[in-house]
């Protein structure tokens, strides 16, 4: 299940745990959601069994933050592929 996250509100993590349950989880962080890609949140995301964390390059460049090594920076084309190119469920939070 791919979670499309555009804001860094801690309550979103509770919703990911509830909605995602035992399914494989991945995050696509855009806008201010990229702050979830910092090392501050890394342990919490590991506890939620988030396997992949994708961060929008344009959002990252605009905020000039340092990401955790667990993150993969993606451009617009890769974002389209993530959202439309697989059979995974996409949940926007």
N, C-alpha and C. Protein backbone atom coordinates (compact mmCIF):
# COMPACT_ATOMS: atom_id res chain seq x y z
N UNK A 1 0.86 -1.16 0.00
CA UNK A 1 0.00 0.00 0.00
C UNK A 1 0.90 1.23 0.00
N UNK A 2 0.62 2.17 -0.89
CA UNK A 2 1.40 3.40 -1.01
C UNK A 2 0.61 4.54 -0.38
N UNK A 3 1.24 5.21 0.58
CA UNK A 3 0.63 6.35 1.24
C UNK A 3 1.24 7.63 0.69
N UNK A 4 0.39 8.49 0.14
CA UNK A 4 0.78 9.78 -0.44
C UNK A 4 0.61 10.82 0.66
N UNK A 5 1.71 11.36 1.17
CA UNK A 5 1.67 12.23 2.35
C UNK A 5 2.20 13.61 1.98
N UNK A 6 1.39 14.65 2.26
CA UNK A 6 1.81 16.01 1.92
C UNK A 6 1.90 16.95 3.11
N UNK A 7 1.75 16.44 4.32
CA UNK A 7 1.92 17.29 5.51
C UNK A 7 2.50 16.45 6.65
N UNK A 8 3.33 17.06 7.48
CA UNK A 8 4.03 16.31 8.53
C UNK A 8 3.31 16.32 9.88
N UNK A 9 2.09 15.86 9.89
CA UNK A 9 1.34 15.82 11.15
C UNK A 9 1.48 14.42 11.76
N UNK A 10 1.85 14.35 13.03
CA UNK A 10 2.11 13.07 13.67
C UNK A 10 0.89 12.15 13.65
N UNK A 11 -0.31 12.70 13.68
CA UNK A 11 -1.52 11.90 13.62
C UNK A 11 -1.64 11.08 12.34
N UNK A 12 -0.98 11.53 11.29
CA UNK A 12 -0.97 10.79 10.03
C UNK A 12 -0.33 9.43 10.22
N UNK A 13 0.69 9.36 11.07
CA UNK A 13 1.38 8.09 11.30
C UNK A 13 0.44 7.07 11.95
N UNK A 14 -0.42 7.54 12.84
CA UNK A 14 -1.41 6.65 13.45
C UNK A 14 -2.38 6.12 12.39
N UNK A 15 -2.76 6.98 11.45
CA UNK A 15 -3.66 6.55 10.38
C UNK A 15 -3.00 5.55 9.45
N UNK A 16 -1.71 5.73 9.20
CA UNK A 16 -0.97 4.77 8.38
C UNK A 16 -0.98 3.40 9.04
N UNK A 17 -0.73 3.38 10.35
CA UNK A 17 -0.74 2.11 11.08
C UNK A 17 -2.11 1.46 11.04
N UNK A 18 -3.16 2.25 11.22
CA UNK A 18 -4.52 1.73 11.24
C UNK A 18 -4.96 1.23 9.85
N UNK A 19 -4.76 2.04 8.84
CA UNK A 19 -5.20 1.68 7.50
C UNK A 19 -4.32 0.58 6.90
N UNK A 20 -3.01 0.70 7.11
CA UNK A 20 -2.08 -0.24 6.51
C UNK A 20 -2.07 -1.62 7.12
N UNK A 21 -2.39 -1.69 8.41
CA UNK A 21 -2.42 -2.98 9.09
C UNK A 21 -1.16 -3.79 8.85
N UNK A 22 -1.33 -5.03 8.40
CA UNK A 22 -0.21 -5.94 8.17
C UNK A 22 0.33 -5.88 6.74
N UNK A 23 -0.26 -5.04 5.90
CA UNK A 23 0.19 -4.95 4.50
C UNK A 23 1.55 -4.25 4.42
N UNK A 24 2.28 -4.52 3.32
CA UNK A 24 3.51 -3.80 3.05
C UNK A 24 3.16 -2.33 2.85
N UNK A 25 3.98 -1.46 3.44
CA UNK A 25 3.69 -0.03 3.38
C UNK A 25 4.86 0.71 2.74
N UNK A 26 4.52 1.71 1.93
CA UNK A 26 5.49 2.62 1.35
C UNK A 26 4.93 4.03 1.47
N UNK A 27 5.82 5.00 1.60
CA UNK A 27 5.40 6.40 1.67
C UNK A 27 5.94 7.16 0.47
N UNK A 28 5.11 8.02 -0.07
CA UNK A 28 5.53 8.98 -1.07
C UNK A 28 5.34 10.36 -0.43
N UNK A 29 6.44 11.00 -0.10
CA UNK A 29 6.40 12.27 0.62
C UNK A 29 6.54 13.43 -0.35
N UNK A 30 5.57 14.34 -0.33
CA UNK A 30 5.57 15.53 -1.18
C UNK A 30 5.28 16.74 -0.30
N UNK A 31 5.49 17.92 -0.83
CA UNK A 31 5.21 19.14 -0.06
C UNK A 31 5.92 19.10 1.28
N UNK A 32 5.25 19.61 2.32
CA UNK A 32 5.84 19.60 3.66
C UNK A 32 5.97 18.19 4.24
N UNK A 33 5.33 17.21 3.60
CA UNK A 33 5.45 15.83 4.05
C UNK A 33 6.87 15.31 4.01
N UNK A 34 7.77 15.98 3.26
CA UNK A 34 9.16 15.52 3.18
C UNK A 34 9.85 15.54 4.53
N UNK A 35 9.33 16.29 5.49
CA UNK A 35 9.95 16.31 6.81
C UNK A 35 9.88 14.95 7.49
N UNK A 36 8.95 14.09 7.10
CA UNK A 36 8.91 12.72 7.61
C UNK A 36 10.12 11.91 7.12
N UNK A 37 10.85 12.43 6.16
CA UNK A 37 12.02 11.75 5.64
C UNK A 37 13.31 12.03 6.40
N UNK A 38 13.23 12.84 7.43
CA UNK A 38 14.43 13.15 8.22
C UNK A 38 14.70 12.05 9.24
N UNK A 39 15.91 12.04 9.76
CA UNK A 39 16.30 11.00 10.72
C UNK A 39 15.45 11.05 12.00
N UNK A 40 14.88 12.20 12.30
CA UNK A 40 14.03 12.35 13.49
C UNK A 40 12.86 11.35 13.46
N UNK A 41 12.32 11.06 12.29
CA UNK A 41 11.15 10.19 12.15
C UNK A 41 11.51 8.76 11.78
N UNK A 42 12.77 8.48 11.51
CA UNK A 42 13.18 7.18 10.98
C UNK A 42 12.76 6.00 11.88
N UNK A 43 13.00 6.10 13.16
CA UNK A 43 12.66 5.00 14.07
C UNK A 43 11.15 4.77 14.14
N UNK A 44 10.39 5.85 14.17
CA UNK A 44 8.92 5.74 14.21
C UNK A 44 8.40 5.04 12.95
N UNK A 45 8.94 5.40 11.80
CA UNK A 45 8.51 4.77 10.55
C UNK A 45 8.91 3.31 10.48
N UNK A 46 10.07 2.97 11.00
CA UNK A 46 10.49 1.56 11.06
C UNK A 46 9.52 0.77 11.93
N UNK A 47 9.06 1.38 13.02
CA UNK A 47 8.10 0.73 13.91
C UNK A 47 6.76 0.48 13.26
N UNK A 48 6.45 1.24 12.22
CA UNK A 48 5.20 1.06 11.48
C UNK A 48 5.37 0.07 10.33
N UNK A 49 6.56 -0.51 10.20
CA UNK A 49 6.89 -1.44 9.12
C UNK A 49 6.78 -0.80 7.74
N UNK A 50 7.19 0.47 7.66
CA UNK A 50 7.26 1.14 6.36
C UNK A 50 8.52 0.64 5.66
N UNK A 51 8.34 0.04 4.50
CA UNK A 51 9.47 -0.56 3.79
C UNK A 51 10.20 0.42 2.89
N UNK A 52 9.46 1.27 2.20
CA UNK A 52 10.07 2.21 1.25
C UNK A 52 9.57 3.61 1.52
N UNK A 53 10.50 4.57 1.42
CA UNK A 53 10.15 5.98 1.59
C UNK A 53 10.68 6.74 0.38
N UNK A 54 9.75 7.30 -0.39
CA UNK A 54 10.10 8.07 -1.58
C UNK A 54 9.84 9.54 -1.29
N UNK A 55 10.79 10.38 -1.69
CA UNK A 55 10.70 11.82 -1.42
C UNK A 55 10.76 12.58 -2.73
N UNK A 56 9.80 13.47 -2.94
CA UNK A 56 9.77 14.29 -4.16
C UNK A 56 10.95 15.24 -4.20
N UNK A 57 11.73 15.16 -5.27
CA UNK A 57 12.92 15.98 -5.40
C UNK A 57 12.61 17.47 -5.33
N UNK A 58 11.55 17.90 -6.00
CA UNK A 58 11.22 19.33 -6.01
C UNK A 58 10.89 19.84 -4.61
N UNK A 59 10.18 19.04 -3.83
CA UNK A 59 9.83 19.44 -2.47
C UNK A 59 11.07 19.46 -1.57
N UNK A 60 11.94 18.51 -1.78
CA UNK A 60 13.18 18.44 -1.01
C UNK A 60 14.06 19.64 -1.32
N UNK A 61 14.22 19.96 -2.60
CA UNK A 61 15.05 21.09 -3.01
C UNK A 61 14.52 22.41 -2.44
N UNK A 62 13.21 22.55 -2.38
CA UNK A 62 12.61 23.79 -1.87
C UNK A 62 12.83 23.97 -0.36
N UNK A 63 13.05 22.86 0.35
CA UNK A 63 13.18 22.93 1.81
C UNK A 63 14.60 22.75 2.31
N UNK A 64 15.48 22.26 1.46
CA UNK A 64 16.89 22.12 1.79
C UNK A 64 17.10 21.42 3.15
N UNK A 65 16.53 20.23 3.29
CA UNK A 65 16.70 19.47 4.53
C UNK A 65 17.55 18.23 4.24
N UNK A 66 18.08 17.63 5.29
CA UNK A 66 18.88 16.42 5.15
C UNK A 66 18.00 15.21 5.42
N UNK A 67 17.97 14.30 4.46
CA UNK A 67 17.12 13.10 4.57
C UNK A 67 17.84 11.97 5.27
N UNK A 68 17.05 11.08 5.81
CA UNK A 68 17.54 9.81 6.32
C UNK A 68 18.05 8.98 5.15
N UNK A 69 18.99 8.09 5.41
CA UNK A 69 19.52 7.23 4.35
C UNK A 69 18.47 6.24 3.85
N UNK A 70 17.38 6.07 4.59
CA UNK A 70 16.33 5.12 4.20
C UNK A 70 15.46 5.66 3.06
N UNK A 71 15.64 6.93 2.70
CA UNK A 71 14.79 7.57 1.69
C UNK A 71 15.39 7.48 0.30
N UNK A 72 14.49 7.47 -0.68
CA UNK A 72 14.89 7.52 -2.09
C UNK A 72 14.25 8.76 -2.71
N UNK A 73 15.08 9.62 -3.28
CA UNK A 73 14.60 10.84 -3.92
C UNK A 73 14.09 10.48 -5.31
N UNK A 74 12.89 10.98 -5.64
CA UNK A 74 12.28 10.68 -6.94
C UNK A 74 11.87 11.97 -7.64
N UNK A 75 11.95 11.94 -8.97
CA UNK A 75 11.52 13.09 -9.75
C UNK A 75 10.06 12.90 -10.19
N UNK A 76 9.56 13.85 -10.96
CA UNK A 76 8.15 13.83 -11.35
C UNK A 76 7.77 12.56 -12.11
N UNK A 77 8.60 12.14 -13.04
CA UNK A 77 8.29 10.93 -13.82
C UNK A 77 8.20 9.70 -12.93
N UNK A 78 9.10 9.60 -11.97
CA UNK A 78 9.09 8.46 -11.05
C UNK A 78 7.86 8.50 -10.13
N UNK A 79 7.43 9.71 -9.77
CA UNK A 79 6.22 9.85 -8.96
C UNK A 79 5.01 9.34 -9.74
N UNK A 80 4.93 9.70 -11.00
CA UNK A 80 3.82 9.22 -11.84
C UNK A 80 3.84 7.70 -11.91
N UNK A 81 5.02 7.12 -12.10
CA UNK A 81 5.13 5.66 -12.15
C UNK A 81 4.68 5.02 -10.84
N UNK A 82 5.06 5.62 -9.71
CA UNK A 82 4.65 5.08 -8.41
C UNK A 82 3.13 5.12 -8.24
N UNK A 83 2.54 6.23 -8.64
CA UNK A 83 1.10 6.41 -8.44
C UNK A 83 0.24 5.64 -9.45
N UNK A 84 0.70 5.56 -10.69
CA UNK A 84 -0.13 4.99 -11.74
C UNK A 84 0.40 3.69 -12.34
N UNK A 85 1.65 3.37 -12.05
CA UNK A 85 2.28 2.26 -12.73
C UNK A 85 2.25 0.93 -12.01
N UNK A 86 1.49 0.82 -10.94
CA UNK A 86 1.44 -0.46 -10.24
C UNK A 86 0.01 -0.76 -9.81
N UNK A 87 -0.17 -1.96 -9.31
CA UNK A 87 -1.49 -2.38 -8.84
C UNK A 87 -1.69 -2.08 -7.36
N UNK A 88 -0.72 -1.41 -6.74
CA UNK A 88 -0.83 -1.10 -5.32
C UNK A 88 -1.96 -0.11 -5.05
N UNK A 89 -2.57 -0.26 -3.90
CA UNK A 89 -3.55 0.73 -3.46
C UNK A 89 -2.80 1.99 -3.08
N UNK A 90 -3.37 3.14 -3.43
CA UNK A 90 -2.79 4.44 -3.07
C UNK A 90 -3.76 5.13 -2.13
N UNK A 91 -3.23 5.58 -0.99
CA UNK A 91 -4.03 6.29 0.00
C UNK A 91 -3.42 7.67 0.21
N UNK A 92 -4.20 8.71 -0.01
CA UNK A 92 -3.73 10.08 0.17
C UNK A 92 -4.09 10.56 1.57
N UNK A 93 -3.07 10.99 2.29
CA UNK A 93 -3.29 11.50 3.66
C UNK A 93 -2.79 12.93 3.79
